[in-house]
């Protein structure tokens, strides 16, 4: 019997993968980084989720889920850390800085 959604939520992983392959995200990636996003992290996470979902042992599934959380965390701050245009074309403004509306 497959594990519960609280352990491995494949709908969420599919949504992240689908959002990655959409034209708006790809155009945004091309504009910001000069290349298309290959969505490899999202694809890997979705495959690992399906693998975890097929396990009958909850602990085995949790072990697999821990693997894709690490892959997903690698790109969490992609815009802030890896943007080649930050500081050259734009500066990040917090909500309390002058000129923020």
Protein backbone atom coordinates (compact mmCIF):
# COMPACT_ATOMS: atom_id res chain seq x y z
CA UNK A 1 0.00 0.00 0.00
CA UNK A 2 1.42 3.43 -0.89
CA UNK A 3 2.49 5.83 1.84
CA UNK A 4 0.36 8.77 2.92
CA UNK A 5 0.59 12.23 1.30
CA UNK A 6 1.97 13.64 4.54
CA UNK A 7 5.16 11.62 3.88
CA UNK A 8 5.46 12.01 0.10
CA UNK A 9 3.29 14.57 -1.66
CA UNK A 10 3.78 13.91 -5.37
CA UNK A 11 1.13 16.42 -6.42
CA UNK A 12 3.28 19.21 -5.00
CA UNK A 13 6.37 17.87 -6.77
CA UNK A 14 4.46 17.58 -10.05
CA UNK A 15 3.22 21.17 -9.66
CA UNK A 16 6.80 22.37 -9.14
CA UNK A 17 7.95 20.45 -12.21
CA UNK A 18 5.07 21.76 -14.31
CA UNK A 19 5.74 25.33 -13.18
CA UNK A 20 9.37 24.94 -14.18
CA UNK A 21 8.66 23.83 -17.75
CA UNK A 22 6.10 26.54 -18.51
CA UNK A 23 7.08 29.24 -21.01
CA UNK A 24 6.91 32.13 -18.49
CA UNK A 25 9.43 30.43 -16.21
CA UNK A 26 11.70 29.48 -19.11
CA UNK A 27 11.64 33.02 -20.55
CA UNK A 28 12.35 34.41 -17.08
CA UNK A 29 15.28 32.03 -16.70
CA UNK A 30 16.59 32.97 -20.14
CA UNK A 31 16.31 36.68 -19.32
CA UNK A 32 17.91 36.46 -15.88
CA UNK A 33 20.59 33.81 -16.42
CA UNK A 34 21.10 33.64 -20.17
CA UNK A 35 20.00 30.02 -20.44
CA UNK A 36 16.91 27.91 -20.12
CA UNK A 37 16.26 26.05 -16.87
CA UNK A 38 16.65 22.32 -17.46
CA UNK A 39 14.38 21.59 -14.45
CA UNK A 40 16.62 18.71 -13.43
CA UNK A 41 16.07 19.28 -9.70
CA UNK A 42 12.29 19.28 -10.10
CA UNK A 43 12.42 16.22 -12.34
CA UNK A 44 14.63 14.37 -9.86
CA UNK A 45 12.35 15.33 -6.98
CA UNK A 46 9.28 14.07 -8.83
CA UNK A 47 10.96 10.75 -9.65
CA UNK A 48 12.10 10.33 -6.06
CA UNK A 49 8.60 11.14 -4.83
CA UNK A 50 7.10 8.45 -7.05
CA UNK A 51 9.73 6.03 -5.79
CA UNK A 52 8.92 6.91 -2.17
CA UNK A 53 5.20 6.66 -2.85
CA UNK A 54 5.61 3.08 -4.09
CA UNK A 55 7.24 1.93 -0.85
CA UNK A 56 5.09 0.16 1.72
CA UNK A 57 7.46 0.97 4.61
CA UNK A 58 7.03 4.53 5.88
CA UNK A 59 10.63 4.77 7.13
CA UNK A 60 12.00 3.79 3.71
CA UNK A 61 9.81 6.43 2.12
CA UNK A 62 11.01 9.09 4.57
CA UNK A 63 14.63 8.19 3.77
CA UNK A 64 13.95 8.76 0.07
CA UNK A 65 12.07 12.01 0.77
CA UNK A 66 15.08 13.36 2.66
CA UNK A 67 17.12 12.98 -0.55
CA UNK A 68 14.86 15.20 -2.64
CA UNK A 69 14.54 17.85 0.01
CA UNK A 70 18.30 18.38 -0.27
CA UNK A 71 18.11 18.65 -4.06
CA UNK A 72 15.23 21.11 -3.83
CA UNK A 73 17.08 23.27 -1.30
CA UNK A 74 19.97 23.85 -3.68
CA UNK A 75 18.00 26.32 -5.80
CA UNK A 76 15.88 28.02 -3.12
CA UNK A 77 17.86 31.27 -3.21
CA UNK A 78 18.81 31.13 -6.87
CA UNK A 79 17.64 34.65 -7.68
CA UNK A 80 19.48 36.34 -4.83
CA UNK A 81 22.76 34.40 -4.88
CA UNK A 82 23.35 33.52 -8.53
CA UNK A 83 21.84 36.38 -10.45
CA UNK A 84 24.35 37.92 -12.81
CA UNK A 85 22.29 41.11 -13.01
CA UNK A 86 21.94 41.84 -9.27
CA UNK A 87 23.88 44.97 -8.44
CA UNK A 88 24.48 45.75 -12.11
CA UNK A 89 20.96 46.25 -13.43
CA UNK A 90 18.84 46.03 -10.29
CA UNK A 91 19.17 46.19 -6.53
CA UNK A 92 17.00 44.26 -4.13
CA UNK A 93 14.76 46.57 -2.13
CA UNK A 94 13.19 45.57 1.14
CA UNK A 95 9.66 46.72 1.98
CA UNK A 96 10.89 49.49 4.31
CA UNK A 97 13.37 51.14 1.99
CA UNK A 98 12.64 54.55 0.53
CA UNK A 99 10.84 54.42 -2.78
CA UNK A 100 9.13 51.12 -2.10
CA UNK A 101 5.44 51.20 -2.96
